[in-house]
Structures are given as C-alpha cells and as structure tokens.
Amino acid sequence: MVDDYLAAGVDLDAGDEAVQLIKPLVRATYRPEVVGDIGGFGGLFDIARSGYRDPLLVSATDGVGTKAEIARQTGRLDTIGRDLVAMCVDDLVCVGAEPLFFLDYLAVGRLDPGSVGQLVSGIAAGCSEAGCALIGGEMAEHPGVMADDQFDLVGFAVGAVERTALLDGSAVAAGDVLVGLESPNLRSNGFSLARHLVFEVAGRDLDDPAWKGADSSLAEELLAPSLIYSPAVLAVIAAHEVHAVAHITGGGLPGNLPRVLGGTVDAVVDTGSWEAPRIFTELQAMGGVADAEMERVFNMGIGMVLAVPASEAGEVVAMLDVHDRRAHVIGELVGGSGVAHLRR
C-alpha cells in the first residue's frame, strides 16, 4: 500500500466536490461591492461602492457552541448555519453597523460534500436575510482528531457604520425605555446546560415530545434556528432615536445589558412583561434550576434590547412588528452605575 493524503484521512476530491456544491449558494449572497469570485486566497469587498462617507469598520466573530452536537446527533444540518450568522451580525448592529460581508470556518472529522452543502446552505440563507455577502471561508478535515461526523462551525462578520452614527452607549439616560425583541427559542446559547439537563439529569431522548402534549420533539425545539434581528433593528435606527442596542446571548439579560449602559444608569427589567417560551420552563423543571441561574445562562425569550426615549417606544414597537419582530416594553433605565436588575 502506498501512503497518501487519502490514506491519512483527508479526501481532496471530496473537498473539491464540496466547493463546487456550495459555489451557487455563495454567489447568491453577493452584493454589488463584492469583487471576484469564490476560490481566491482572500475575499474582496469594495467599500467605496457602499455609499459611506466616513465609515468605521466593525468586526465580530462567534460560533454555535454545543448546539452543533444536537445537530450532529440528529443529522439536521440545514439550519444551524443561520444561527452562526445571527450570532455575528446581531453583534454588529449593537454599535449601529450594517453587516457587509461574512466568512465561515468549518472543521470536520470527515468531509462529506452533502453535509457541507447543508451547513453552508444555512449560512447562505442567513447571510441573504441579513443582507451581507458570504465572500469566503475555509473547510478543514481533521481525521484522527474529530470523529467522522463531528464538526465545528465558526463565523466572522464585518460591517460599517458612519462615525457620526456610532452607538457607543454615551447617549443612554435615565428615563429611557427598554424595548425587548422576542426570541422564541434558545438561539445558540446555553446548550451545555441544556444538554446536561436533557441527557444527564432528565434522561430524555431527542425524539421525545418537547413536553407533554407538544406537537414538536425536543430536537425540533432545541434546533429551532435563531431569529436574525439586524435588518429590523437597522430600520428602527434609521427612523427613530435609539440610544443603545444589546444582543442577549450567553450571560442573558444580566450579563449583556450592562455592556451598553455606561456608568451612570442601571437597567430595571420587569420579567413579567413577557412570557418565556415553554422550552425554557421545561428545561428549568428538568433540573430544578433556580430562576437567577436560568436568567444568567439563557435569553429567556428576549433576544435583543433597544434603549429608546419613552416618547419613541410605541412607534419603535410598531415598526418592529412591521418587520415581523415582535417586541414589548420590558423596563426602563434609572440612575445608577451600569447594573441590570431583573424584577420578578
């Protein structure tokens, strides 16, 4: 037997086939500013064609965490890419930035072109929804390091905001109202605790009903893709006075709201102003998890928060609804030192 790369576990032909499969998916996301095509050593983007006068470039990177393991166990790979895009582009919008382009990194134990196609289809769908171009990426096969069906997914997004429109938290003031955008699921945060509760504590199977009488399975509830908020939030920023935007990811409301408060105000959140989706209460019941622990791990049904003047709140909620993002007034800012208080 002659040793070669295939014998070592890396299939170059499968890699070439995967690239050919994803090319049309990638091209479908292109904006007019994209220069060149997939396959180069770097993705090119002509920001001069974007119409900005004095732009600041903004970058964000994230992954999907151990939600990837649920996708692997079920073989449902077509939506998790949307989570990846959401985690990155919804960070960008917190400083008022428009997502421009996106790159992904995919590591697999064994490169299966069909599986890669499913993963990238989700990324491309998310990019199209967010309005950003998928201009590059990397696929890496890691034989002997990862199991054949294991994978990890990481994303990198770049956006731009006019220097004069930057949201840096300096505009927040006591009396501002907090508008919370609903999240119907976990998005891709807190899955290490969720998996622990489902498998180790409750001994549940992913094919089980999500809860007694549910029409959906646990797998369907846990894999429900993230909403992408950035287009709706950018529309609101363009039309109304917005003082701050917080993306509610790992750390929940207590961990993420302080990141945009500065040192002169506190956030007071009324947790009774919205109803947490059933999946959260189901997970909590599995392990008797304390309310405070749930709130600092999961988003509990609020995926994004906008701080706006009280006079703008009603119109902001209405505009978000027009963009198919349900929202509620969930609290206010008061004088303080940059702390989030959850009032039950």
Protein backbone atom coordinates (compact mmCIF):
# COMPACT_ATOMS: atom_id res chain seq x y z
CA MET A 1 0.00 0.00 0.00
CA VAL A 2 1.27 3.44 -0.93
CA ASP A 3 0.67 6.09 1.71
CA ASP A 4 -1.02 9.26 0.56
CA TYR A 5 -3.27 12.01 1.91
CA LEU A 6 -6.39 9.86 1.47
CA ALA A 7 -4.81 7.08 3.49
CA ALA A 8 -4.19 9.66 6.21
CA GLY A 9 -7.90 10.51 6.18
CA VAL A 10 -8.03 13.65 4.03
CA ASP A 11 -10.09 13.38 0.83
CA LEU A 12 -9.04 16.16 -1.54
CA ASP A 13 -11.57 15.08 -4.16
CA ALA A 14 -14.41 15.37 -1.62
CA GLY A 15 -13.17 18.86 -0.81
CA ASP A 16 -13.27 19.87 -4.45
CA GLU A 17 -16.78 18.42 -4.80
CA ALA A 18 -17.96 20.36 -1.74
CA VAL A 19 -16.61 23.61 -3.17
CA GLN A 20 -18.49 23.05 -6.41
CA LEU A 21 -21.70 22.32 -4.47
CA ILE A 22 -21.56 25.50 -2.43
CA LYS A 23 -20.49 27.92 -5.18
CA PRO A 24 -24.05 28.80 -6.26
CA LEU A 25 -25.11 29.20 -2.62
CA VAL A 26 -22.27 31.63 -2.00
CA ARG A 27 -22.81 33.61 -5.21
CA ALA A 28 -26.49 34.09 -4.36
CA THR A 29 -25.46 36.22 -1.35
CA TYR A 30 -23.22 38.63 -3.26
CA ARG A 31 -23.73 42.37 -3.01
CA PRO A 32 -22.60 44.83 -5.72
CA GLU A 33 -19.49 45.60 -3.66
CA VAL A 34 -18.11 42.05 -3.94
CA VAL A 35 -15.07 41.81 -6.21
CA GLY A 36 -14.08 38.50 -7.79
CA ASP A 37 -15.43 35.04 -7.02
CA ILE A 38 -15.13 32.19 -4.58
CA GLY A 39 -11.81 30.31 -4.62
CA GLY A 40 -9.27 33.09 -4.15
CA PHE A 41 -6.90 33.47 -1.24
CA GLY A 42 -8.99 36.31 0.16
CA GLY A 43 -12.45 37.77 -0.28
CA LEU A 44 -12.52 41.23 -1.84
CA PHE A 45 -15.07 43.90 -0.97
CA ASP A 46 -15.11 47.43 -2.39
CA ILE A 47 -16.39 49.54 0.48
CA ALA A 48 -16.15 52.67 -1.65
CA ARG A 49 -19.22 51.42 -3.52
CA SER A 50 -21.26 51.18 -0.29
CA GLY A 51 -22.04 54.88 -0.11
CA TYR A 52 -20.43 55.58 3.27
CA ARG A 53 -18.79 58.98 3.76
CA ASP A 54 -16.70 58.38 6.89
CA PRO A 55 -17.22 54.74 7.86
CA LEU A 56 -15.89 52.81 10.82
CA LEU A 57 -15.40 49.12 10.09
CA VAL A 58 -16.78 46.83 12.76
CA SER A 59 -15.92 43.14 13.13
CA ALA A 60 -17.48 40.29 15.10
CA THR A 61 -16.80 36.59 15.41
CA ASP A 62 -18.68 33.76 17.09
CA GLY A 63 -19.62 30.10 16.85
CA VAL A 64 -22.68 27.99 17.57
CA GLY A 65 -21.26 26.24 20.62
CA THR A 66 -22.52 22.85 21.65
CA LYS A 67 -25.74 23.31 19.71
CA ALA A 68 -23.62 21.75 16.96
CA GLU A 69 -23.71 18.48 18.91
CA ILE A 70 -27.53 18.40 18.79
CA ALA A 71 -27.36 18.97 15.03
CA ARG A 72 -24.80 16.18 14.69
CA GLN A 73 -26.84 13.72 16.74
CA THR A 74 -29.97 14.33 14.70
CA GLY A 75 -28.31 14.76 11.30
CA ARG A 76 -30.25 18.01 10.84
CA LEU A 77 -27.62 20.36 9.47
CA ASP A 78 -29.53 22.74 7.23
CA THR A 79 -30.43 25.47 9.74
CA ILE A 80 -27.52 25.72 12.16
CA GLY A 81 -25.68 27.99 9.74
CA ARG A 82 -28.41 30.57 10.27
CA ASP A 83 -27.55 30.54 13.98
CA LEU A 84 -23.94 31.24 13.09
CA VAL A 85 -24.82 34.28 11.01
CA ALA A 86 -27.24 35.58 13.63
CA MET A 87 -24.66 35.43 16.41
CA CYS A 88 -22.25 37.58 14.39
CA VAL A 89 -24.41 40.11 12.55
CA ASP A 90 -26.58 40.81 15.58
CA ASP A 91 -23.42 41.78 17.47
CA LEU A 92 -22.54 44.27 14.73
CA VAL A 93 -25.88 46.06 14.93
CA CYS A 94 -25.28 46.81 18.63
CA VAL A 95 -22.99 49.65 17.53
CA GLY A 96 -25.31 50.60 14.68
CA ALA A 97 -23.32 48.81 11.98
CA GLU A 98 -24.75 47.36 8.78
CA PRO A 99 -23.41 43.83 8.08
CA LEU A 100 -21.42 43.88 4.83
CA PHE A 101 -19.71 40.53 4.45
CA PHE A 102 -19.21 37.21 6.19
CA LEU A 103 -16.68 34.39 6.25
CA ASP A 104 -17.00 30.96 7.83
CA TYR A 105 -14.65 28.28 9.12
CA LEU A 106 -15.83 24.66 9.10
CA ALA A 107 -13.80 21.87 10.69
CA VAL A 108 -14.99 18.28 10.14
CA GLY A 109 -13.79 14.82 11.04
CA ARG A 110 -14.54 13.55 7.54
CA LEU A 111 -15.54 15.80 4.69
CA ASP A 112 -18.90 14.75 3.29
CA PRO A 113 -19.93 17.08 0.45
CA GLY A 114 -23.65 16.62 1.13
CA SER A 115 -23.29 17.57 4.80
CA VAL A 116 -21.12 20.55 3.92
CA GLY A 117 -23.77 21.65 1.43
CA GLN A 118 -26.45 21.55 4.13
CA LEU A 119 -24.35 23.55 6.57
CA VAL A 120 -23.41 26.19 4.01
CA SER A 121 -27.00 26.43 2.77
CA GLY A 122 -27.97 27.63 6.24
CA ILE A 123 -25.12 30.13 6.31
CA ALA A 124 -26.08 31.44 2.87
CA ALA A 125 -29.74 31.76 3.88
CA GLY A 126 -28.74 33.70 6.98
CA CYS A 127 -26.46 35.98 5.00
CA SER A 128 -29.20 36.68 2.47
CA GLU A 129 -31.62 37.57 5.25
CA ALA A 130 -29.05 39.81 6.94
CA GLY A 131 -28.09 41.45 3.65
CA CYS A 132 -24.42 40.55 3.90
CA ALA A 133 -22.29 38.76 1.32
CA LEU A 134 -20.69 35.39 2.03
CA ILE A 135 -17.33 36.12 0.42
CA GLY A 136 -15.08 33.36 1.72
CA GLY A 137 -14.43 30.57 4.13
CA GLU A 138 -12.35 27.54 4.97
CA MET A 139 -13.10 23.82 5.18
CA ALA A 140 -10.67 21.72 7.20
CA GLU A 141 -10.70 17.94 7.52
CA HIS A 142 -9.35 16.68 10.87
CA PRO A 143 -9.06 12.88 10.67
CA GLY A 144 -7.97 11.17 13.85
CA VAL A 145 -8.73 14.31 15.85
CA MET A 146 -12.50 14.52 15.38
CA ALA A 147 -14.99 11.69 14.83
CA ASP A 148 -16.13 11.29 11.22
CA ASP A 149 -19.46 13.04 11.81
CA GLN A 150 -18.20 15.72 14.19
CA PHE A 151 -17.90 19.33 13.09
CA ASP A 152 -17.31 22.79 14.44
CA LEU A 153 -18.54 25.99 12.87
CA VAL A 154 -17.19 29.50 13.36
CA GLY A 155 -18.15 32.76 11.65
CA PHE A 156 -16.64 36.17 11.11
CA ALA A 157 -18.61 39.24 10.04
CA VAL A 158 -17.60 42.76 9.05
CA GLY A 159 -19.91 45.74 8.98
CA ALA A 160 -19.74 49.51 8.72
CA VAL A 161 -21.27 52.47 10.49
CA GLU A 162 -20.87 56.17 9.86
CA ARG A 163 -18.59 57.63 12.52
CA THR A 164 -21.27 60.13 13.48
CA ALA A 165 -23.91 57.39 13.88
CA LEU A 166 -21.89 55.09 16.14
CA LEU A 167 -23.84 53.72 19.12
CA ASP A 168 -21.32 53.70 21.97
CA GLY A 169 -23.61 53.88 25.00
CA SER A 170 -22.91 57.54 25.67
CA ALA A 171 -26.48 58.58 24.78
CA VAL A 172 -28.30 56.43 27.34
CA ALA A 173 -30.15 58.38 30.01
CA ALA A 174 -32.37 57.77 32.99
CA GLY A 175 -35.95 57.64 31.76
CA ASP A 176 -35.12 55.71 28.59
CA VAL A 177 -37.44 52.78 27.93
CA LEU A 178 -36.21 49.25 27.21
CA VAL A 179 -37.82 47.57 24.20
CA GLY A 180 -37.24 43.82 24.15
CA LEU A 181 -37.43 41.78 20.94
CA GLU A 182 -38.84 38.31 21.38
CA SER A 183 -36.75 35.18 20.94
CA PRO A 184 -38.94 32.08 20.54
CA ASN A 185 -36.06 29.72 21.36
CA LEU A 186 -32.60 29.34 22.89
CA ARG A 187 -30.90 30.66 19.73
CA SER A 188 -27.43 29.07 20.21
CA ASN A 189 -26.69 29.95 23.83
CA GLY A 190 -26.69 27.85 26.97
CA PHE A 191 -26.59 24.49 25.23
CA SER A 192 -24.04 22.96 27.59
CA LEU A 193 -26.57 23.38 30.41
CA ALA A 194 -29.48 22.39 28.16
CA ARG A 195 -27.73 19.17 27.08
CA HIS A 196 -26.81 18.38 30.67
CA LEU A 197 -30.42 18.79 31.76
CA VAL A 198 -31.89 16.82 28.85
CA PHE A 199 -29.50 13.88 28.76
CA GLU A 200 -27.81 13.56 32.15
CA VAL A 201 -30.46 14.86 34.55
CA ALA A 202 -33.77 14.00 32.87
CA GLY A 203 -32.57 11.08 30.72
CA ARG A 204 -34.67 12.31 27.81
CA ASP A 205 -34.38 11.33 24.14
CA LEU A 206 -34.26 13.93 21.39
CA ASP A 207 -37.18 12.20 19.65
CA ASP A 208 -39.37 12.60 22.75
CA PRO A 209 -42.13 15.22 22.66
CA ALA A 210 -40.67 18.54 23.81
CA TRP A 211 -43.19 18.48 26.67
CA LYS A 212 -46.39 16.62 27.46
CA GLY A 213 -48.84 17.22 24.64
CA ALA A 214 -46.33 19.05 22.42
CA ASP A 215 -46.56 18.64 18.66
CA SER A 216 -42.80 19.14 18.34
CA SER A 217 -39.94 16.95 19.51
CA LEU A 218 -37.15 18.01 21.84
CA ALA A 219 -34.81 18.01 18.86
CA GLU A 220 -37.06 20.37 16.92
CA GLU A 221 -37.33 22.79 19.83
CA LEU A 222 -33.61 22.76 20.57
CA LEU A 223 -32.63 23.11 16.92
CA ALA A 224 -35.10 25.88 16.10
CA PRO A 225 -32.97 28.46 14.28
CA SER A 226 -32.15 31.88 15.66
CA LEU A 227 -34.08 34.90 14.55
CA ILE A 228 -31.87 37.45 12.79
CA TYR A 229 -32.62 40.88 14.21
CA SER A 230 -30.18 43.17 12.39
CA PRO A 231 -32.36 44.24 9.41
CA ALA A 232 -35.28 45.19 11.65
CA VAL A 233 -33.05 46.97 14.17
CA LEU A 234 -31.24 48.90 11.43
CA ALA A 235 -34.60 50.04 10.06
CA VAL A 236 -35.57 51.32 13.50
CA ILE A 237 -32.22 53.09 13.95
CA ALA A 238 -32.71 54.83 10.60
CA ALA A 239 -36.18 56.08 11.53
CA HIS A 240 -36.09 56.68 15.28
CA GLU A 241 -33.84 57.82 18.10
CA VAL A 242 -32.08 54.78 19.56
CA HIS A 243 -29.62 55.24 22.41
CA ALA A 244 -28.28 51.69 22.80
CA VAL A 245 -28.71 48.15 21.49
CA ALA A 246 -27.83 44.97 23.40
CA HIS A 247 -27.66 41.48 21.90
CA ILE A 248 -28.84 38.99 24.54
CA THR A 249 -26.62 35.94 24.17
CA GLY A 250 -24.64 33.91 26.73
CA GLY A 251 -24.97 35.69 30.06
CA GLY A 252 -28.61 36.55 29.45
CA LEU A 253 -30.07 39.94 30.31
CA PRO A 254 -27.95 40.41 33.49
CA GLY A 255 -24.71 39.82 31.60
CA ASN A 256 -25.39 41.68 28.35
CA LEU A 257 -27.36 44.80 29.24
CA PRO A 258 -24.51 46.28 31.34
CA ARG A 259 -22.26 46.19 28.26
CA VAL A 260 -24.14 49.17 26.78
CA LEU A 261 -25.14 51.09 29.92
CA GLY A 262 -22.02 53.04 30.75
CA GLY A 263 -21.55 54.02 34.38
CA THR A 264 -24.41 56.38 35.07
CA VAL A 265 -27.59 54.31 34.63
CA ASP A 266 -28.99 50.94 35.66
CA ALA A 267 -31.47 48.80 33.74
CA VAL A 268 -34.60 47.71 35.56
CA VAL A 269 -36.30 44.84 33.73
CA ASP A 270 -39.80 43.60 34.55
CA THR A 271 -39.61 39.86 33.80
CA GLY A 272 -43.40 39.65 33.96
CA SER A 273 -43.77 41.86 30.89
CA TRP A 274 -43.34 38.92 28.51
CA GLU A 275 -43.94 35.20 28.61
CA ALA A 276 -40.89 32.96 28.38
CA PRO A 277 -41.27 30.28 25.68
CA ARG A 278 -42.22 26.86 27.02
CA ILE A 279 -38.83 25.31 26.22
CA PHE A 280 -37.23 27.41 28.97
CA THR A 281 -39.68 26.38 31.67
CA GLU A 282 -39.38 22.77 30.54
CA LEU A 283 -35.58 22.84 30.87
CA GLN A 284 -35.83 24.55 34.24
CA ALA A 285 -38.22 21.90 35.54
CA MET A 286 -35.92 19.07 34.43
CA GLY A 287 -33.27 20.07 36.94
CA GLY A 288 -34.97 22.43 39.36
CA VAL A 289 -32.72 25.23 38.11
CA ALA A 290 -33.01 28.48 40.06
CA ASP A 291 -34.57 31.48 38.33
CA ALA A 292 -31.37 33.51 38.69
CA GLU A 293 -29.31 30.77 37.07
CA MET A 294 -31.72 30.44 34.16
CA GLU A 295 -31.60 34.20 33.64
CA ARG A 296 -27.82 34.38 33.51
CA VAL A 297 -27.47 31.42 31.10
CA PHE A 298 -30.40 31.78 28.67
CA ASN A 299 -32.10 34.72 26.96
CA MET A 300 -35.44 33.62 28.49
CA GLY A 301 -37.37 34.84 25.47
CA ILE A 302 -35.71 38.21 24.80
CA GLY A 303 -33.04 38.17 22.09
CA MET A 304 -32.32 41.88 21.67
CA VAL A 305 -32.98 45.04 23.69
CA LEU A 306 -33.17 48.65 22.48
CA ALA A 307 -32.91 51.63 24.80
CA VAL A 308 -35.04 54.45 23.37
CA PRO A 309 -36.65 57.67 24.63
CA ALA A 310 -40.01 56.97 26.22
CA SER A 311 -41.71 59.09 23.56
CA GLU A 312 -40.39 56.79 20.81
CA ALA A 313 -41.25 53.44 22.41
CA GLY A 314 -44.71 52.91 20.91
CA GLU A 315 -43.61 53.68 17.35
CA VAL A 316 -40.49 51.54 17.73
CA VAL A 317 -42.56 48.53 18.84
CA ALA A 318 -44.95 49.09 15.94
CA MET A 319 -42.11 49.34 13.42
CA LEU A 320 -40.50 46.14 14.68
CA ASP A 321 -43.85 44.40 14.28
CA VAL A 322 -43.99 45.56 10.65
CA HIS A 323 -40.61 43.87 10.20
CA ASP A 324 -42.01 40.66 11.72
CA ARG A 325 -40.14 41.03 15.01
CA ARG A 326 -42.49 41.07 17.98
CA ALA A 327 -41.40 43.39 20.77
CA HIS A 328 -42.57 44.73 24.13
CA VAL A 329 -41.58 47.43 26.57
CA ILE A 330 -39.80 45.38 29.24
CA GLY A 331 -38.31 48.02 31.53
CA GLU A 332 -36.52 51.32 31.88
CA LEU A 333 -33.22 52.96 32.71
CA VAL A 334 -32.74 54.67 36.06
CA GLY A 335 -29.81 56.45 37.66
CA GLY A 336 -27.13 54.01 38.74
CA SER A 337 -23.74 52.51 37.97
CA GLY A 338 -24.27 50.19 34.99
CA VAL A 339 -26.07 47.21 36.56
CA ALA A 340 -29.06 45.25 35.26
CA HIS A 341 -31.78 44.46 37.81
CA LEU A 342 -34.38 41.80 36.98
CA ARG A 343 -37.63 42.44 38.83
CA ARG A 344 -39.86 39.36 39.21
